[in-house]
Amino acid sequence: MSRTPYPLSRVYGLLESGPVVLVATAAGDRTDVMPLSWHTMIEFEPPLVGFVLSDRNHSHSLLEASGECSINIPEAPLAAAVVGCGNCSGAKVDKFARFGLTPVPADKVSAPLIEECFAGLECRVVDRRLAADYCFYILEVVGARVDRSVKEPRTLHHRGRGRFMVAGEPIEIESRKK
């Protein structure tokens, strides 16, 4: 998959539709990847993303140690890998190897991007004030890459208890800004 730089001012368009993402973390020689379906745009420029990363997950300790991660956006063909990553612990399993995901170096953070995902966002934690009580982190997107050959991504949307929707037909409604 070929990715080219993507304008940070347009990152919100990659996330606002609410796709399930794969969060990759790294600290020292340890890496992990986990699915995450609860995230939100906080600000557009600079792009700030908020998400909850439970302290019961191995990825949580890596995020705490490094203060960095990548948010990778998969399409429907990766559904089995996404679910598989959520059903085992990275403390015991190399999820990249087990689920056929390829870690690729990011430009600005230590956490890898995932080659099989059509978009990857490099993020740094900028606010931990709600982390102790709620495991809620605010991250600044400091780099973004997208495979521009993917015109209408078929993203996964978690509906609970192993049920997902795949993004449907896009529609356009006139807006003041494009």
Protein backbone atom coordinates (compact mmCIF):
# COMPACT_ATOMS: atom_id res chain seq x y z
CA MET A 1 0.00 0.00 0.00
CA SER A 2 1.43 3.37 -0.93
CA ARG A 3 0.80 6.31 1.39
CA THR A 4 1.54 9.97 0.83
CA PRO A 5 1.56 12.85 3.32
CA TYR A 6 -1.90 14.01 4.28
CA PRO A 7 -2.85 17.52 5.44
CA LEU A 8 -3.26 17.64 9.21
CA SER A 9 -6.14 20.10 8.77
CA ARG A 10 -8.16 17.31 7.09
CA VAL A 11 -7.53 14.53 9.63
CA TYR A 12 -10.98 15.07 11.15
CA GLY A 13 -12.55 13.68 7.99
CA LEU A 14 -10.77 10.38 8.52
CA LEU A 15 -12.13 9.95 12.05
CA GLU A 16 -15.45 11.73 12.35
CA SER A 17 -17.31 8.88 10.73
CA GLY A 18 -16.42 6.76 13.75
CA PRO A 19 -14.54 3.79 12.30
CA VAL A 20 -13.05 1.04 14.40
CA VAL A 21 -9.31 1.74 14.52
CA LEU A 22 -6.22 -0.26 15.39
CA VAL A 23 -4.10 1.52 17.98
CA ALA A 24 -0.44 0.53 17.84
CA THR A 25 1.83 1.25 20.80
CA ALA A 26 5.49 0.70 21.52
CA ALA A 27 7.85 1.11 24.45
CA GLY A 28 11.40 -0.18 24.37
CA ASP A 29 11.39 -3.43 22.40
CA ARG A 30 7.70 -4.16 23.13
CA THR A 31 4.87 -3.41 20.70
CA ASP A 32 1.16 -4.04 20.72
CA VAL A 33 -1.90 -3.42 18.60
CA MET A 34 -5.49 -3.33 19.75
CA PRO A 35 -8.84 -2.36 18.26
CA LEU A 36 -10.57 0.71 19.60
CA SER A 37 -14.02 1.93 18.67
CA TRP A 38 -14.51 4.85 21.03
CA HIS A 39 -12.69 7.95 19.90
CA THR A 40 -13.65 11.50 19.13
CA MET A 41 -12.24 14.55 17.43
CA ILE A 42 -11.62 17.27 20.01
CA GLU A 43 -10.14 20.00 17.79
CA PHE A 44 -9.43 20.38 14.09
CA GLU A 45 -6.18 22.42 14.00
CA PRO A 46 -4.05 21.15 15.45
CA PRO A 47 -5.97 17.88 15.16
CA LEU A 48 -6.69 16.56 18.66
CA VAL A 49 -8.25 13.15 19.22
CA GLY A 50 -9.64 11.81 22.47
CA PHE A 51 -9.99 8.14 23.30
CA VAL A 52 -10.48 5.76 26.17
CA LEU A 53 -7.77 3.10 26.55
CA SER A 54 -8.57 0.86 29.48
CA ASP A 55 -5.85 0.24 32.05
CA ARG A 56 -6.73 -3.47 31.76
CA ASN A 57 -5.11 -3.55 28.30
CA HIS A 58 -1.43 -4.22 27.62
CA SER A 59 -1.46 -1.27 25.21
CA HIS A 60 -2.26 1.02 28.14
CA SER A 61 1.09 0.37 29.83
CA LEU A 62 2.95 0.98 26.55
CA LEU A 63 1.08 4.23 25.96
CA GLU A 64 1.84 5.36 29.50
CA ALA A 65 5.53 4.50 29.06
CA SER A 66 6.02 6.19 25.68
CA GLY A 67 3.30 8.84 25.47
CA GLU A 68 2.89 7.94 21.79
CA CYS A 69 0.83 5.70 19.54
CA SER A 70 -0.48 5.38 16.04
CA ILE A 71 -4.12 5.22 15.08
CA ASN A 72 -4.58 3.04 12.02
CA ILE A 73 -7.81 2.81 10.06
CA PRO A 74 -8.57 -0.62 8.58
CA GLU A 75 -11.13 -1.59 5.96
CA ALA A 76 -13.63 -4.46 6.07
CA PRO A 77 -11.25 -7.16 4.71
CA LEU A 78 -9.27 -6.82 7.97
CA ALA A 79 -12.34 -7.55 10.16
CA ALA A 80 -11.08 -10.95 11.33
CA ALA A 81 -7.69 -9.48 12.29
CA VAL A 82 -9.39 -6.58 14.10
CA VAL A 83 -11.56 -8.94 16.16
CA GLY A 84 -8.62 -11.30 16.74
CA CYS A 85 -6.50 -8.46 18.09
CA GLY A 86 -9.28 -7.64 20.53
CA ASN A 87 -9.61 -11.20 21.77
CA CYS A 88 -6.08 -11.79 23.03
CA SER A 89 -3.48 -9.95 25.09
CA GLY A 90 -0.38 -8.42 23.58
CA ALA A 91 1.38 -9.25 26.85
CA LYS A 92 1.27 -12.91 25.75
CA VAL A 93 1.01 -12.78 21.95
CA ASP A 94 2.74 -10.92 19.13
CA LYS A 95 -0.47 -9.71 17.53
CA PHE A 96 1.31 -8.36 14.46
CA ALA A 97 2.65 -11.83 13.65
CA ARG A 98 -0.46 -13.78 14.68
CA PHE A 99 -2.87 -11.69 12.60
CA GLY A 100 -0.68 -10.95 9.57
CA LEU A 101 -0.24 -7.24 10.25
CA THR A 102 2.91 -5.50 9.07
CA PRO A 103 4.42 -2.87 11.39
CA VAL A 104 6.13 -0.06 9.46
CA PRO A 105 8.17 2.73 11.01
CA ALA A 106 6.37 6.00 11.59
CA ASP A 107 8.08 9.32 10.89
CA LYS A 108 7.39 11.16 14.14
CA VAL A 109 6.54 8.62 16.85
CA SER A 110 8.06 5.38 18.09
CA ALA A 111 4.87 3.34 17.60
CA PRO A 112 4.61 1.67 14.20
CA LEU A 113 2.01 2.27 11.54
CA ILE A 114 0.18 -0.75 10.11
CA GLU A 115 0.85 -1.35 6.42
CA GLU A 116 -2.49 -3.06 5.74
CA CYS A 117 -4.52 -0.06 6.95
CA PHE A 118 -5.39 2.63 4.41
CA ALA A 119 -4.62 5.46 6.83
CA GLY A 120 -2.28 5.94 9.75
CA LEU A 121 -2.11 8.81 12.24
CA GLU A 122 0.97 9.41 14.36
CA CYS A 123 -0.06 10.69 17.79
CA ARG A 124 1.43 12.06 20.99
CA VAL A 125 -0.43 12.28 24.30
CA VAL A 126 -0.90 15.95 25.17
CA ASP A 127 -3.36 15.70 28.06
CA ARG A 128 -3.61 13.00 30.73
CA ARG A 129 -5.83 14.88 33.20
CA LEU A 130 -8.71 12.41 32.80
CA ALA A 131 -6.53 9.31 32.43
CA ALA A 132 -6.27 8.41 36.12
CA ASP A 133 -10.04 8.45 36.65
CA TYR A 134 -11.38 7.54 33.20
CA CYS A 135 -8.47 6.22 31.10
CA PHE A 136 -9.31 9.09 28.71
CA TYR A 137 -6.38 10.52 26.77
CA ILE A 138 -6.16 13.50 24.47
CA LEU A 139 -3.65 13.07 21.65
CA GLU A 140 -2.29 15.45 19.06
CA VAL A 141 -1.98 14.04 15.57
CA VAL A 142 1.55 15.03 14.55
CA GLY A 143 1.70 13.09 11.28
CA ALA A 144 -0.83 11.51 8.94
CA ARG A 145 -0.52 9.21 5.96
CA VAL A 146 -3.26 7.91 3.70
CA ASP A 147 -3.40 5.64 0.67
CA ARG A 148 -5.05 7.98 -1.83
CA SER A 149 -5.98 5.08 -4.11
CA VAL A 150 -8.67 4.16 -1.57
CA LYS A 151 -11.46 6.48 -2.70
CA GLU A 152 -14.42 5.20 -0.65
CA PRO A 153 -13.03 3.24 2.30
CA ARG A 154 -15.20 0.39 3.57
CA THR A 155 -14.54 1.01 7.26
CA LEU A 156 -15.82 -1.08 10.14
CA HIS A 157 -18.19 0.36 12.72
CA HIS A 158 -18.65 -1.55 15.96
CA ARG A 159 -22.20 -2.13 17.08
CA GLY A 160 -21.43 -4.24 20.14
CA ARG A 161 -21.27 -7.93 20.96
CA GLY A 162 -19.33 -8.92 17.86
CA ARG A 163 -21.59 -7.01 15.45
CA PHE A 164 -20.18 -4.54 12.96
CA MET A 165 -21.48 -2.42 10.12
CA VAL A 166 -19.45 -1.58 7.06
CA ALA A 167 -19.56 2.01 5.82
CA GLY A 168 -22.18 2.29 3.11
CA GLU A 169 -22.76 4.42 0.10
CA PRO A 170 -21.50 7.97 0.56
CA ILE A 171 -23.84 10.91 0.10
CA GLU A 172 -23.04 14.58 -0.39
CA ILE A 173 -25.01 17.42 1.10
CA GLU A 174 -24.14 20.98 0.25
CA SER A 175 -22.03 22.66 2.89
CA ARG A 176 -20.54 26.11 3.26
CA LYS A 177 -17.01 24.66 3.43
CA LYS A 178 -15.43 21.74 1.64
